[in-house]
Amino acid sequence: MYFEVFEHAASYQNSQEAQNENDPNNTTIFVGNLDPNVTDEHLRQVFWQYGELVHVKIPSGKRCGFVQFADRSCAEATLQALNGNLLGGQNVRLSRGRSPSNKQAQTDPNQWNGSGCEFFVTLA
């Protein structure tokens, strides 16, 4: 039973990641493993160098954040350049965040994505 639930959750997460990867409107980057001292402004200062930012947010009490770019190519370049880099004393993990078009299909808040945040937040 546990294996079936886990398998279903993994399958759902993989299909969501594929949707996010293929969505041309997805310009949001999930930033995981953030140092607790990193602020929204700190993220803004690091990420603006890669393109125009629409929104930057670190949910209160979380060790993750979200950065939304105006242009997908800027988000892609940032993923390539900064994933695994040191930011505020920790190596951050970057991945595609939830795109605005997937707003209705938010993941189960009980799903843990392994990066210190219990759920994805849509930035729109």
PDB file of N, CA and C in Angstrom:
ATOM      1  N   MET A   1       0.828  -1.195   0.000  1.00  0.00           N
ATOM      2  CA  MET A   1       0.000   0.000   0.000  1.00  0.00           C
ATOM      3  C   MET A   1       0.868   1.253   0.000  1.00  0.00           C
ATOM      4  N   TYR A   2       1.855   1.318   0.910  1.00  0.00           N
ATOM      5  CA  TYR A   2       2.738   2.476   0.973  1.00  0.00           C
ATOM      6  C   TYR A   2       3.456   2.678  -0.362  1.00  0.00           C
ATOM      7  N   PHE A   3       3.958   1.583  -0.926  1.00  0.00           N
ATOM      8  CA  PHE A   3       4.671   1.671  -2.192  1.00  0.00           C
ATOM      9  C   PHE A   3       3.773   2.222  -3.293  1.00  0.00           C
ATOM     10  N   GLU A   4       2.510   1.767  -3.329  1.00  0.00           N
ATOM     11  CA  GLU A   4       1.580   2.249  -4.355  1.00  0.00           C
ATOM     12  C   GLU A   4       1.342   3.753  -4.218  1.00  0.00           C
ATOM     13  N   VAL A   5       1.180   4.238  -2.986  1.00  0.00           N
ATOM     14  CA  VAL A   5       0.962   5.664  -2.761  1.00  0.00           C
ATOM     15  C   VAL A   5       2.201   6.443  -3.179  1.00  0.00           C
ATOM     16  N   PHE A   6       3.372   5.954  -2.766  1.00  0.00           N
ATOM     17  CA  PHE A   6       4.620   6.610  -3.125  1.00  0.00           C
ATOM     18  C   PHE A   6       4.803   6.637  -4.639  1.00  0.00           C
ATOM     19  N   GLU A   7       4.523   5.512  -5.287  1.00  0.00           N
ATOM     20  CA  GLU A   7       4.664   5.416  -6.735  1.00  0.00           C
ATOM     21  C   GLU A   7       3.733   6.415  -7.433  1.00  0.00           C
ATOM     22  N   HIS A   8       2.501   6.522  -6.944  1.00  0.00           N
ATOM     23  CA  HIS A   8       1.542   7.459  -7.517  1.00  0.00           C
ATOM     24  C   HIS A   8       2.026   8.901  -7.332  1.00  0.00           C
ATOM     25  N   ALA A   9       2.516   9.236  -6.140  1.00  0.00           N
ATOM     26  CA  ALA A   9       3.004  10.594  -5.869  1.00  0.00           C
ATOM     27  C   ALA A   9       4.194  10.915  -6.755  1.00  0.00           C
ATOM     28  N   ALA A  10       5.115   9.957  -6.915  1.00  0.00           N
ATOM     29  CA  ALA A  10       6.287  10.182  -7.765  1.00  0.00           C
ATOM     30  C   ALA A  10       5.870  10.370  -9.213  1.00  0.00           C
ATOM     31  N   SER A  11       4.909   9.579  -9.672  1.00  0.00           N
ATOM     32  CA  SER A  11       4.418   9.697 -11.036  1.00  0.00           C
ATOM     33  C   SER A  11       3.769  11.060 -11.251  1.00  0.00           C
ATOM     34  N   TYR A  12       2.959  11.497 -10.287  1.00  0.00           N
ATOM     35  CA  TYR A  12       2.300  12.804 -10.378  1.00  0.00           C
ATOM     36  C   TYR A  12       3.333  13.920 -10.410  1.00  0.00           C
ATOM     37  N   GLN A  13       4.337  13.837  -9.517  1.00  0.00           N
ATOM     38  CA  GLN A  13       5.368  14.874  -9.474  1.00  0.00           C
ATOM     39  C   GLN A  13       6.140  14.907 -10.784  1.00  0.00           C
ATOM     40  N   ASN A  14       6.491  13.742 -11.341  1.00  0.00           N
ATOM     41  CA  ASN A  14       7.214  13.701 -12.612  1.00  0.00           C
ATOM     42  C   ASN A  14       6.394  14.311 -13.736  1.00  0.00           C
ATOM     43  N   SER A  15       5.080  14.054 -13.766  1.00  0.00           N
ATOM     44  CA  SER A  15       4.245  14.626 -14.823  1.00  0.00           C
ATOM     45  C   SER A  15       4.131  16.139 -14.651  1.00  0.00           C
ATOM     46  N   GLN A  16       4.079  16.616 -13.394  1.00  0.00           N
ATOM     47  CA  GLN A  16       4.031  18.060 -13.143  1.00  0.00           C
ATOM     48  C   GLN A  16       5.338  18.722 -13.573  1.00  0.00           C
ATOM     49  N   GLU A  17       6.476  18.082 -13.280  1.00  0.00           N
ATOM     50  CA  GLU A  17       7.766  18.627 -13.676  1.00  0.00           C
ATOM     51  C   GLU A  17       7.871  18.698 -15.190  1.00  0.00           C
ATOM     52  N   ALA A  18       7.383  17.676 -15.884  1.00  0.00           N
ATOM     53  CA  ALA A  18       7.417  17.681 -17.349  1.00  0.00           C
ATOM     54  C   ALA A  18       6.557  18.820 -17.890  1.00  0.00           C
ATOM     55  N   GLN A  19       5.372  19.035 -17.277  1.00  0.00           N
ATOM     56  CA  GLN A  19       4.522  20.144 -17.707  1.00  0.00           C
ATOM     57  C   GLN A  19       5.234  21.474 -17.504  1.00  0.00           C
ATOM     58  N   ASN A  20       5.863  21.659 -16.344  1.00  0.00           N
ATOM     59  CA  ASN A  20       6.564  22.901 -16.056  1.00  0.00           C
ATOM     60  C   ASN A  20       7.718  23.121 -17.024  1.00  0.00           C
ATOM     61  N   GLU A  21       8.432  22.041 -17.362  1.00  0.00           N
ATOM     62  CA  GLU A  21       9.577  22.139 -18.251  1.00  0.00           C
ATOM     63  C   GLU A  21       9.148  22.510 -19.669  1.00  0.00           C
ATOM     64  N   ASN A  22       8.009  21.993 -20.111  1.00  0.00           N
ATOM     65  CA  ASN A  22       7.564  22.211 -21.483  1.00  0.00           C
ATOM     66  C   ASN A  22       6.670  23.431 -21.655  1.00  0.00           C
ATOM     67  N   ASP A  23       6.267  24.062 -20.589  1.00  0.00           N
ATOM     68  CA  ASP A  23       5.384  25.221 -20.665  1.00  0.00           C
ATOM     69  C   ASP A  23       6.199  26.456 -21.066  1.00  0.00           C
ATOM     70  N   PRO A  24       5.966  27.005 -22.253  1.00  0.00           N
ATOM     71  CA  PRO A  24       6.750  28.162 -22.707  1.00  0.00           C
ATOM     72  C   PRO A  24       6.497  29.415 -21.874  1.00  0.00           C
ATOM     73  N   ASN A  25       5.410  29.417 -21.090  1.00  0.00           N
ATOM     74  CA  ASN A  25       5.106  30.576 -20.258  1.00  0.00           C
ATOM     75  C   ASN A  25       5.702  30.469 -18.857  1.00  0.00           C
ATOM     76  N   ASN A  26       6.327  29.346 -18.553  1.00  0.00           N
ATOM     77  CA  ASN A  26       6.889  29.153 -17.216  1.00  0.00           C
ATOM     78  C   ASN A  26       8.207  29.893 -17.087  1.00  0.00           C
ATOM     79  N   THR A  27       8.201  30.937 -16.284  1.00  0.00           N
ATOM     80  CA  THR A  27       9.409  31.734 -16.069  1.00  0.00           C
ATOM     81  C   THR A  27       9.794  31.752 -14.594  1.00  0.00           C
ATOM     82  N   THR A  28       9.197  30.843 -13.803  1.00  0.00           N
ATOM     83  CA  THR A  28       9.440  30.808 -12.368  1.00  0.00           C
ATOM     84  C   THR A  28      10.488  29.756 -12.011  1.00  0.00           C
ATOM     85  N   ILE A  29      11.406  30.146 -11.141  1.00  0.00           N
ATOM     86  CA  ILE A  29      12.442  29.243 -10.655  1.00  0.00           C
ATOM     87  C   ILE A  29      12.221  29.007  -9.166  1.00  0.00           C
ATOM     88  N   PHE A  30      12.253  27.744  -8.778  1.00  0.00           N
ATOM     89  CA  PHE A  30      12.213  27.354  -7.380  1.00  0.00           C
ATOM     90  C   PHE A  30      13.655  27.346  -6.886  1.00  0.00           C
ATOM     91  N   VAL A  31      13.910  27.982  -5.743  1.00  0.00           N
ATOM     92  CA  VAL A  31      15.243  28.035  -5.148  1.00  0.00           C
ATOM     93  C   VAL A  31      15.184  27.295  -3.820  1.00  0.00           C
ATOM     94  N   GLY A  32      15.808  26.131  -3.754  1.00  0.00           N
ATOM     95  CA  GLY A  32      15.773  25.317  -2.544  1.00  0.00           C
ATOM     96  C   GLY A  32      17.082  25.357  -1.793  1.00  0.00           C
ATOM     97  N   ASN A  33      17.029  24.902  -0.542  1.00  0.00           N
ATOM     98  CA  ASN A  33      18.190  24.827   0.336  1.00  0.00           C
ATOM     99  C   ASN A  33      18.767  26.210   0.645  1.00  0.00           C
ATOM    100  N   LEU A  34      17.887  27.173   0.836  1.00  0.00           N
ATOM    101  CA  LEU A  34      18.345  28.532   1.150  1.00  0.00           C
ATOM    102  C   LEU A  34      18.877  28.630   2.576  1.00  0.00           C
ATOM    103  N   ASP A  35      19.920  29.393   2.723  1.00  0.00           N
ATOM    104  CA  ASP A  35      20.419  29.748   4.040  1.00  0.00           C
ATOM    105  C   ASP A  35      19.328  30.554   4.743  1.00  0.00           C
ATOM    106  N   PRO A  36      19.072  30.321   6.024  1.00  0.00           N
ATOM    107  CA  PRO A  36      17.991  31.038   6.715  1.00  0.00           C
ATOM    108  C   PRO A  36      18.178  32.559   6.763  1.00  0.00           C
ATOM    109  N   ASN A  37      19.398  33.033   6.530  1.00  0.00           N
ATOM    110  CA  ASN A  37      19.659  34.475   6.566  1.00  0.00           C
ATOM    111  C   ASN A  37      19.436  35.173   5.228  1.00  0.00           C
ATOM    112  N   VAL A  38      19.190  34.411   4.174  1.00  0.00           N
ATOM    113  CA  VAL A  38      18.950  35.009   2.858  1.00  0.00           C
ATOM    114  C   VAL A  38      17.550  35.632   2.840  1.00  0.00           C
ATOM    115  N   THR A  39      17.458  36.841   2.304  1.00  0.00           N
ATOM    116  CA  THR A  39      16.193  37.572   2.238  1.00  0.00           C
ATOM    117  C   THR A  39      15.714  37.690   0.794  1.00  0.00           C
ATOM    118  N   ASP A  40      14.476  38.166   0.636  1.00  0.00           N
ATOM    119  CA  ASP A  40      13.949  38.441  -0.706  1.00  0.00           C
ATOM    120  C   ASP A  40      14.896  39.387  -1.445  1.00  0.00           C
ATOM    121  N   GLU A  41      15.359  40.404  -0.751  1.00  0.00           N
ATOM    122  CA  GLU A  41      16.235  41.403  -1.386  1.00  0.00           C
ATOM    123  C   GLU A  41      17.556  40.770  -1.817  1.00  0.00           C
ATOM    124  N   HIS A  42      18.079  39.870  -1.023  1.00  0.00           N
ATOM    125  CA  HIS A  42      19.321  39.183  -1.389  1.00  0.00           C
ATOM    126  C   HIS A  42      19.110  38.374  -2.673  1.00  0.00           C
ATOM    127  N   LEU A  43      17.997  37.633  -2.746  1.00  0.00           N
ATOM    128  CA  LEU A  43      17.696  36.886  -3.973  1.00  0.00           C
ATOM    129  C   LEU A  43      17.582  37.829  -5.164  1.00  0.00           C
ATOM    130  N   ARG A  44      16.890  38.934  -4.963  1.00  0.00           N
ATOM    131  CA  ARG A  44      16.707  39.919  -6.035  1.00  0.00           C
ATOM    132  C   ARG A  44      18.065  40.409  -6.544  1.00  0.00           C
ATOM    133  N   GLN A  45      18.983  40.711  -5.631  1.00  0.00           N
ATOM    134  CA  GLN A  45      20.306  41.212  -6.028  1.00  0.00           C
ATOM    135  C   GLN A  45      21.104  40.195  -6.827  1.00  0.00           C
ATOM    136  N   VAL A  46      20.950  38.923  -6.494  1.00  0.00           N
ATOM    137  CA  VAL A  46      21.678  37.870  -7.212  1.00  0.00           C
ATOM    138  C   VAL A  46      21.040  37.579  -8.568  1.00  0.00           C
ATOM    139  N   PHE A  47      19.710  37.469  -8.600  1.00  0.00           N
ATOM    140  CA  PHE A  47      19.023  37.002  -9.797  1.00  0.00           C
ATOM    141  C   PHE A  47      18.777  38.074 -10.850  1.00  0.00           C
ATOM    142  N   TRP A  48      18.725  39.343 -10.485  1.00  0.00           N
ATOM    143  CA  TRP A  48      18.428  40.385 -11.472  1.00  0.00           C
ATOM    144  C   TRP A  48      19.498  40.440 -12.562  1.00  0.00           C
ATOM    145  N   GLN A  49      20.685  39.972 -12.240  1.00  0.00           N
ATOM    146  CA  GLN A  49      21.785  39.998 -13.206  1.00  0.00           C
ATOM    147  C   GLN A  49      21.503  39.133 -14.436  1.00  0.00           C
ATOM    148  N   TYR A  50      20.524  38.237 -14.325  1.00  0.00           N
ATOM    149  CA  TYR A  50      20.215  37.322 -15.420  1.00  0.00           C
ATOM    150  C   TYR A  50      18.999  37.753 -16.234  1.00  0.00           C
ATOM    151  N   GLY A  51      18.346  38.838 -15.818  1.00  0.00           N
ATOM    152  CA  GLY A  51      17.212  39.334 -16.581  1.00  0.00           C
ATOM    153  C   GLY A  51      16.196  40.048 -15.713  1.00  0.00           C
ATOM    154  N   GLU A  52      15.202  40.616 -16.375  1.00  0.00           N
ATOM    155  CA  GLU A  52      14.154  41.364 -15.679  1.00  0.00           C
ATOM    156  C   GLU A  52      13.337  40.438 -14.782  1.00  0.00           C
ATOM    157  N   LEU A  53      13.190  40.853 -13.523  1.00  0.00           N
ATOM    158  CA  LEU A  53      12.433  40.066 -12.550  1.00  0.00           C
ATOM    159  C   LEU A  53      11.013  40.584 -12.428  1.00  0.00           C
ATOM    160  N   VAL A  54      10.075  39.655 -12.327  1.00  0.00           N
ATOM    161  CA  VAL A  54       8.675  39.992 -12.122  1.00  0.00           C
ATOM    162  C   VAL A  54       8.346  39.933 -10.636  1.00  0.00           C
ATOM    163  N   HIS A  55       8.871  38.895  -9.963  1.00  0.00           N
ATOM    164  CA  HIS A  55       8.517  38.682  -8.564  1.00  0.00           C
ATOM    165  C   HIS A  55       9.587  37.837  -7.886  1.00  0.00           C
ATOM    166  N   VAL A  56       9.877  38.145  -6.624  1.00  0.00           N
ATOM    167  CA  VAL A  56      10.797  37.360  -5.804  1.00  0.00           C
ATOM    168  C   VAL A  56      10.134  37.164  -4.454  1.00  0.00           C
ATOM    169  N   LYS A  57      10.121  35.922  -3.969  1.00  0.00           N
ATOM    170  CA  LYS A  57       9.454  35.661  -2.695  1.00  0.00           C
ATOM    171  C   LYS A  57      10.089  34.482  -1.974  1.00  0.00           C
ATOM    172  N   ILE A  58      10.357  34.678  -0.671  1.00  0.00           N
ATOM    173  CA  ILE A  58      10.725  33.591   0.223  1.00  0.00           C
ATOM    174  C   ILE A  58       9.568  33.470   1.213  1.00  0.00           C
ATOM    175  N   PRO A  59       8.808  32.382   1.173  1.00  0.00           N
ATOM    176  CA  PRO A  59       7.707  32.223   2.123  1.00  0.00           C
ATOM    177  C   PRO A  59       8.232  32.272   3.560  1.00  0.00           C
ATOM    178  N   SER A  60       7.533  32.940   4.412  1.00  0.00           N
ATOM    179  CA  SER A  60       7.931  33.120   5.802  1.00  0.00           C
ATOM    180  C   SER A  60       8.218  31.783   6.482  1.00  0.00           C
ATOM    181  N   GLY A  61       9.395  31.706   7.097  1.00  0.00           N
ATOM    182  CA  GLY A  61       9.763  30.508   7.841  1.00  0.00           C
ATOM    183  C   GLY A  61      10.241  29.348   7.000  1.00  0.00           C
ATOM    184  N   LYS A  62      10.394  29.551   5.698  1.00  0.00           N
ATOM    185  CA  LYS A  62      10.796  28.470   4.793  1.00  0.00           C
ATOM    186  C   LYS A  62      12.240  28.661   4.360  1.00  0.00           C
ATOM    187  N   ARG A  63      12.850  27.571   3.937  1.00  0.00           N
ATOM    188  CA  ARG A  63      14.221  27.627   3.431  1.00  0.00           C
ATOM    189  C   ARG A  63      14.213  27.425   1.919  1.00  0.00           C
ATOM    190  N   CYS A  64      13.261  28.086   1.276  1.00  0.00           N
ATOM    191  CA  CYS A  64      13.161  28.038  -0.172  1.00  0.00           C
ATOM    192  C   CYS A  64      12.588  29.364  -0.640  1.00  0.00           C
ATOM    193  N   GLY A  65      12.691  29.600  -1.938  1.00  0.00           N
ATOM    194  CA  GLY A  65      12.135  30.827  -2.492  1.00  0.00           C
ATOM    195  C   GLY A  65      11.741  30.614  -3.938  1.00  0.00           C
ATOM    196  N   PHE A  66      11.163  31.658  -4.498  1.00  0.00           N
ATOM    197  CA  PHE A  66      10.689  31.616  -5.875  1.00  0.00           C
ATOM    198  C   PHE A  66      11.076  32.906  -6.556  1.00  0.00           C
ATOM    199  N   VAL A  67      11.604  32.777  -7.754  1.00  0.00           N
ATOM    200  CA  VAL A  67      12.006  33.935  -8.545  1.00  0.00           C
ATOM    201  C   VAL A  67      11.322  33.808  -9.898  1.00  0.00           C
ATOM    202  N   GLN A  68      10.560  34.827 -10.277  1.00  0.00           N
ATOM    203  CA  GLN A  68       9.880  34.810 -11.572  1.00  0.00           C
ATOM    204  C   GLN A  68      10.507  35.865 -12.468  1.00  0.00           C
ATOM    205  N   PHE A  69      10.899  35.433 -13.650  1.00  0.00           N
ATOM    206  CA  PHE A  69      11.487  36.309 -14.653  1.00  0.00           C
ATOM    207  C   PHE A  69      10.426  36.754 -15.652  1.00  0.00           C
ATOM    208  N   ALA A  70      10.693  37.846 -16.345  1.00  0.00           N
ATOM    209  CA  ALA A  70       9.798  38.316 -17.396  1.00  0.00           C
ATOM    210  C   ALA A  70       9.942  37.446 -18.647  1.00  0.00           C
ATOM    211  N   ASP A  71      11.093  36.796 -18.813  1.00  0.00           N
ATOM    212  CA  ASP A  71      11.387  36.054 -20.031  1.00  0.00           C
ATOM    213  C   ASP A  71      11.907  34.653 -19.705  1.00  0.00           C
ATOM    214  N   ARG A  72      11.403  33.659 -20.400  1.00  0.00           N
ATOM    215  CA  ARG A  72      11.806  32.273 -20.133  1.00  0.00           C
ATOM    216  C   ARG A  72      13.290  32.045 -20.395  1.00  0.00           C
ATOM    217  N   SER A  73      13.848  32.662 -21.414  1.00  0.00           N
ATOM    218  CA  SER A  73      15.264  32.430 -21.711  1.00  0.00           C
ATOM    219  C   SER A  73      16.147  32.901 -20.561  1.00  0.00           C
ATOM    220  N   CYS A  74      15.726  33.931 -19.854  1.00  0.00           N
ATOM    221  CA  CYS A  74      16.477  34.405 -18.684  1.00  0.00           C
ATOM    222  C   CYS A  74      16.396  33.374 -17.558  1.00  0.00           C
ATOM    223  N   ALA A  75      15.220  32.798 -17.369  1.00  0.00           N
ATOM    224  CA  ALA A  75      15.052  31.763 -16.345  1.00  0.00           C
ATOM    225  C   ALA A  75      15.927  30.553 -16.672  1.00  0.00           C
ATOM    226  N   GLU A  76      15.956  30.160 -17.946  1.00  0.00           N
ATOM    227  CA  GLU A  76      16.768  29.013 -18.367  1.00  0.00           C
ATOM    228  C   GLU A  76      18.252  29.278 -18.126  1.00  0.00           C
ATOM    229  N   ALA A  77      18.712  30.477 -18.482  1.00  0.00           N
ATOM    230  CA  ALA A  77      20.119  30.831 -18.285  1.00  0.00           C
ATOM    231  C   ALA A  77      20.479  30.815 -16.801  1.00  0.00           C
ATOM    232  N   THR A  78      19.560  31.262 -15.979  1.00  0.00           N
ATOM    233  CA  THR A  78      19.791  31.286 -14.536  1.00  0.00           C
ATOM    234  C   THR A  78      19.889  29.879 -13.978  1.00  0.00           C
ATOM    235  N   LEU A  79      19.002  28.988 -14.428  1.00  0.00           N
ATOM    236  CA  LEU A  79      19.067  27.591 -13.986  1.00  0.00           C
ATOM    237  C   LEU A  79      20.438  26.995 -14.286  1.00  0.00           C
ATOM    238  N   GLN A  80      20.929  27.247 -15.464  1.00  0.00           N
ATOM    239  CA  GLN A  80      22.230  26.712 -15.884  1.00  0.00           C
ATOM    240  C   GLN A  80      23.373  27.325 -15.071  1.00  0.00           C
ATOM    241  N   ALA A  81      23.299  28.635 -14.833  1.00  0.00           N
ATOM    242  CA  ALA A  81      24.416  29.349 -14.218  1.00  0.00           C
ATOM    243  C   ALA A  81      24.495  29.197 -12.694  1.00  0.00           C
ATOM    244  N   LEU A  82      23.351  29.158 -12.012  1.00  0.00           N
ATOM    245  CA  LEU A  82      23.378  29.242 -10.555  1.00  0.00           C
ATOM    246  C   LEU A  82      23.073  27.951  -9.802  1.00  0.00           C
ATOM    247  N   ASN A  83      22.545  26.941 -10.472  1.00  0.00           N
ATOM    248  CA  ASN A  83      22.196  25.709  -9.760  1.00  0.00           C
ATOM    249  C   ASN A  83      23.427  25.117  -9.083  1.00  0.00           C
ATOM    250  N   GLY A  84      23.335  24.901  -7.779  1.00  0.00           N
ATOM    251  CA  GLY A  84      24.434  24.324  -7.024  1.00  0.00           C
ATOM    252  C   GLY A  84      25.428  25.342  -6.494  1.00  0.00           C
ATOM    253  N   ASN A  85      25.267  26.612  -6.864  1.00  0.00           N
ATOM    254  CA  ASN A  85      26.187  27.645  -6.402  1.00  0.00           C
ATOM    255  C   ASN A  85      25.935  28.021  -4.952  1.00  0.00           C
ATOM    256  N   LEU A  86      26.959  28.573  -4.339  1.00  0.00           N
ATOM    257  CA  LEU A  86      26.886  29.034  -2.967  1.00  0.00           C
ATOM    258  C   LEU A  86      26.115  30.345  -2.901  1.00  0.00           C
ATOM    259  N   LEU A  87      25.125  30.399  -2.030  1.00  0.00           N
ATOM    260  CA  LEU A  87      24.337  31.611  -1.826  1.00  0.00           C
ATOM    261  C   LEU A  87      24.075  31.729  -0.332  1.00  0.00           C
ATOM    262  N   GLY A  88      24.679  32.730   0.299  1.00  0.00           N
ATOM    263  CA  GLY A  88      24.488  32.924   1.728  1.00  0.00           C
ATOM    264  C   GLY A  88      24.986  31.772   2.577  1.00  0.00           C
ATOM    265  N   GLY A  89      26.018  31.086   2.142  1.00  0.00           N
ATOM    266  CA  GLY A  89      26.591  30.016   2.950  1.00  0.00           C
ATOM    267  C   GLY A  89      26.069  28.618   2.648  1.00  0.00           C
ATOM    268  N   GLN A  90      25.150  28.482   1.704  1.00  0.00           N
ATOM    269  CA  GLN A  90      24.610  27.167   1.344  1.00  0.00           C
ATOM    270  C   GLN A  90      24.605  27.009  -0.175  1.00  0.00           C
ATOM    271  N   ASN A  91      24.788  25.783  -0.637  1.00  0.00           N
ATOM    272  CA  ASN A  91      24.653  25.506  -2.067  1.00  0.00           C
ATOM    273  C   ASN A  91      23.176  25.362  -2.378  1.00  0.00           C
ATOM    274  N   VAL A  92      22.662  26.247  -3.224  1.00  0.00           N
ATOM    275  CA  VAL A  92      21.234  26.241  -3.537  1.00  0.00           C
ATOM    276  C   VAL A  92      20.929  25.242  -4.649  1.00  0.00           C
ATOM    277  N   ARG A  93      19.702  24.748  -4.630  1.00  0.00           N
ATOM    278  CA  ARG A  93      19.206  23.855  -5.675  1.00  0.00           C
ATOM    279  C   ARG A  93      18.111  24.588  -6.431  1.00  0.00           C
ATOM    280  N   LEU A  94      18.308  24.740  -7.720  1.00  0.00           N
ATOM    281  CA  LEU A  94      17.323  25.423  -8.548  1.00  0.00           C
ATOM    282  C   LEU A  94      16.580  24.416  -9.411  1.00  0.00           C
ATOM    283  N   SER A  95      15.301  24.681  -9.596  1.00  0.00           N
ATOM    284  CA  SER A  95      14.503  23.895 -10.530  1.00  0.00           C
ATOM    285  C   SER A  95      13.374  24.780 -11.038  1.00  0.00           C
ATOM    286  N   ARG A  96      12.668  24.301 -12.034  1.00  0.00           N
ATOM    287  CA  ARG A  96      11.540  25.080 -12.546  1.00  0.00           C
ATOM    288  C   ARG A  96      10.433  25.085 -11.515  1.00  0.00           C
ATOM    289  N   GLY A  97       9.891  26.253 -11.263  1.00  0.00           N
ATOM    290  CA  GLY A  97       8.757  26.363 -10.354  1.00  0.00           C
ATOM    291  C   GLY A  97       7.476  26.097 -11.110  1.00  0.00           C
ATOM    292  N   ARG A  98       6.376  26.224 -10.423  1.00  0.00           N
ATOM    293  CA  ARG A  98       5.075  26.027 -11.046  1.00  0.00           C
ATOM    294  C   ARG A  98       4.780  27.221 -11.938  1.00  0.00           C
ATOM    295  N   SER A  99       4.361  26.957 -13.145  1.00  0.00           N
ATOM    296  CA  SER A  99       4.049  28.035 -14.068  1.00  0.00           C
ATOM    297  C   SER A  99       2.671  28.615 -13.753  1.00  0.00           C
ATOM    298  N   PRO A 100       2.436  29.878 -14.093  1.00  0.00           N
ATOM    299  CA  PRO A 100       1.122  30.473 -13.849  1.00  0.00           C
ATOM    300  C   PRO A 100      -0.021  29.703 -14.489  1.00  0.00           C
ATOM    301  N   SER A 101       0.208  29.030 -15.611  1.00  0.00           N
ATOM    302  CA  SER A 101      -0.868  28.284 -16.270  1.00  0.00           C
ATOM    303  C   SER A 101      -1.240  27.021 -15.499  1.00  0.00           C
ATOM    304  N   ASN A 102      -0.378  26.566 -14.588  1.00  0.00           N
ATOM    305  CA  ASN A 102      -0.673  25.384 -13.775  1.00  0.00           C
ATOM    306  C   ASN A 102      -1.208  25.770 -12.398  1.00  0.00           C
ATOM    307  N   LYS A 103      -1.699  26.977 -12.254  1.00  0.00           N
ATOM    308  CA  LYS A 103      -2.137  27.498 -10.972  1.00  0.00           C
ATOM    309  C   LYS A 103      -3.195  26.617 -10.313  1.00  0.00           C
ATOM    310  N   GLN A 104      -4.126  26.083 -11.089  1.00  0.00           N
ATOM    311  CA  GLN A 104      -5.209  25.292 -10.526  1.00  0.00           C
ATOM    312  C   GLN A 104      -4.739  23.915 -10.061  1.00  0.00           C
ATOM    313  N   ALA A 105      -3.635  23.428 -10.593  1.00  0.00           N
ATOM    314  CA  ALA A 105      -3.182  22.068 -10.291  1.00  0.00           C
ATOM    315  C   ALA A 105      -2.067  22.076  -9.256  1.00  0.00           C
ATOM    316  N   GLN A 106      -2.227  22.840  -8.185  1.00  0.00           N
ATOM    317  CA  GLN A 106      -1.190  22.882  -7.168  1.00  0.00           C
ATOM    318  C   GLN A 106      -1.051  21.517  -6.522  1.00  0.00           C
ATOM    319  N   THR A 107       0.181  21.218  -6.090  1.00  0.00           N
ATOM    320  CA  THR A 107       0.439  19.926  -5.481  1.00  0.00           C
ATOM    321  C   THR A 107      -0.194  19.851  -4.110  1.00  0.00           C
ATOM    322  N   ASP A 108      -0.357  18.635  -3.648  1.00  0.00           N
ATOM    323  CA  ASP A 108      -0.896  18.360  -2.334  1.00  0.00           C
ATOM    324  C   ASP A 108      -0.003  19.010  -1.287  1.00  0.00           C
ATOM    325  N   PRO A 109      -0.545  19.818  -0.358  1.00  0.00           N
ATOM    326  CA  PRO A 109       0.294  20.466   0.643  1.00  0.00           C
ATOM    327  C   PRO A 109       0.986  19.480   1.571  1.00  0.00           C
ATOM    328  N   ASN A 110       0.555  18.224   1.582  1.00  0.00           N
ATOM    329  CA  ASN A 110       1.220  17.216   2.400  1.00  0.00           C
ATOM    330  C   ASN A 110       2.423  16.603   1.691  1.00  0.00           C
ATOM    331  N   GLN A 111       2.610  16.941   0.423  1.00  0.00           N
ATOM    332  CA  GLN A 111       3.731  16.397  -0.340  1.00  0.00           C
ATOM    333  C   GLN A 111       4.988  17.166   0.029  1.00  0.00           C
ATOM    334  N   TRP A 112       6.035  16.461   0.368  1.00  0.00           N
ATOM    335  CA  TRP A 112       7.300  17.094   0.710  1.00  0.00           C
ATOM    336  C   TRP A 112       8.214  16.969  -0.487  1.00  0.00           C
ATOM    337  N   ASN A 113       8.791  18.080  -0.912  1.00  0.00           N
ATOM    338  CA  ASN A 113       9.611  18.018  -2.118  1.00  0.00           C
ATOM    339  C   ASN A 113      11.094  17.889  -1.805  1.00  0.00           C
ATOM    340  N   GLY A 114      11.440  17.709  -0.529  1.00  0.00           N
ATOM    341  CA  GLY A 114      12.822  17.437  -0.171  1.00  0.00           C
ATOM    342  C   GLY A 114      13.709  18.654  -0.120  1.00  0.00           C
ATOM    343  N   SER A 115      13.173  19.847  -0.157  1.00  0.00           N
ATOM    344  CA  SER A 115      14.030  21.027  -0.174  1.00  0.00           C
ATOM    345  C   SER A 115      13.706  22.000   0.938  1.00  0.00           C
ATOM    346  N   GLY A 116      12.937  21.583   1.918  1.00  0.00           N
ATOM    347  CA  GLY A 116      12.646  22.455   3.029  1.00  0.00           C
ATOM    348  C   GLY A 116      11.332  23.192   2.900  1.00  0.00           C
ATOM    349  N   CYS A 117      10.629  23.037   1.807  1.00  0.00           N
ATOM    350  CA  CYS A 117       9.312  23.650   1.614  1.00  0.00           C
ATOM    351  C   CYS A 117       8.320  22.515   1.415  1.00  0.00           C
ATOM    352  N   GLU A 118       7.167  22.647   2.031  1.00  0.00           N
ATOM    353  CA  GLU A 118       6.192  21.575   1.923  1.00  0.00           C
ATOM    354  C   GLU A 118       5.409  21.612   0.622  1.00  0.00           C
ATOM    355  N   PHE A 119       5.363  22.752  -0.049  1.00  0.00           N
ATOM    356  CA  PHE A 119       4.571  22.852  -1.267  1.00  0.00           C
ATOM    357  C   PHE A 119       5.125  23.954  -2.145  1.00  0.00           C
ATOM    358  N   PHE A 120       4.738  23.915  -3.414  1.00  0.00           N
ATOM    359  CA  PHE A 120       5.110  24.960  -4.349  1.00  0.00           C
ATOM    360  C   PHE A 120       4.119  26.083  -4.261  1.00  0.00           C
ATOM    361  N   VAL A 121       4.568  27.286  -4.465  1.00  0.00           N
ATOM    362  CA  VAL A 121       3.708  28.473  -4.489  1.00  0.00           C
ATOM    363  C   VAL A 121       3.772  29.038  -5.893  1.00  0.00           C
ATOM    364  N   THR A 122       2.650  29.401  -6.427  1.00  0.00           N
ATOM    365  CA  THR A 122       2.613  30.002  -7.756  1.00  0.00           C
ATOM    366  C   THR A 122       2.817  31.489  -7.641  1.00  0.00           C
ATOM    367  N   LEU A 123       3.710  32.003  -8.431  1.00  0.00           N
ATOM    368  CA  LEU A 123       3.939  33.442  -8.480  1.00  0.00           C
ATOM    369  C   LEU A 123       3.340  33.964  -9.769  1.00  0.00           C
ATOM    370  N   ALA A 124       2.367  34.799  -9.663  1.00  0.00           N
ATOM    371  CA  ALA A 124       1.750  35.340 -10.868  1.00  0.00           C
ATOM    372  C   ALA A 124       1.455  36.804 -10.671  1.00  0.00           C
TER     373      ALA A 124
END
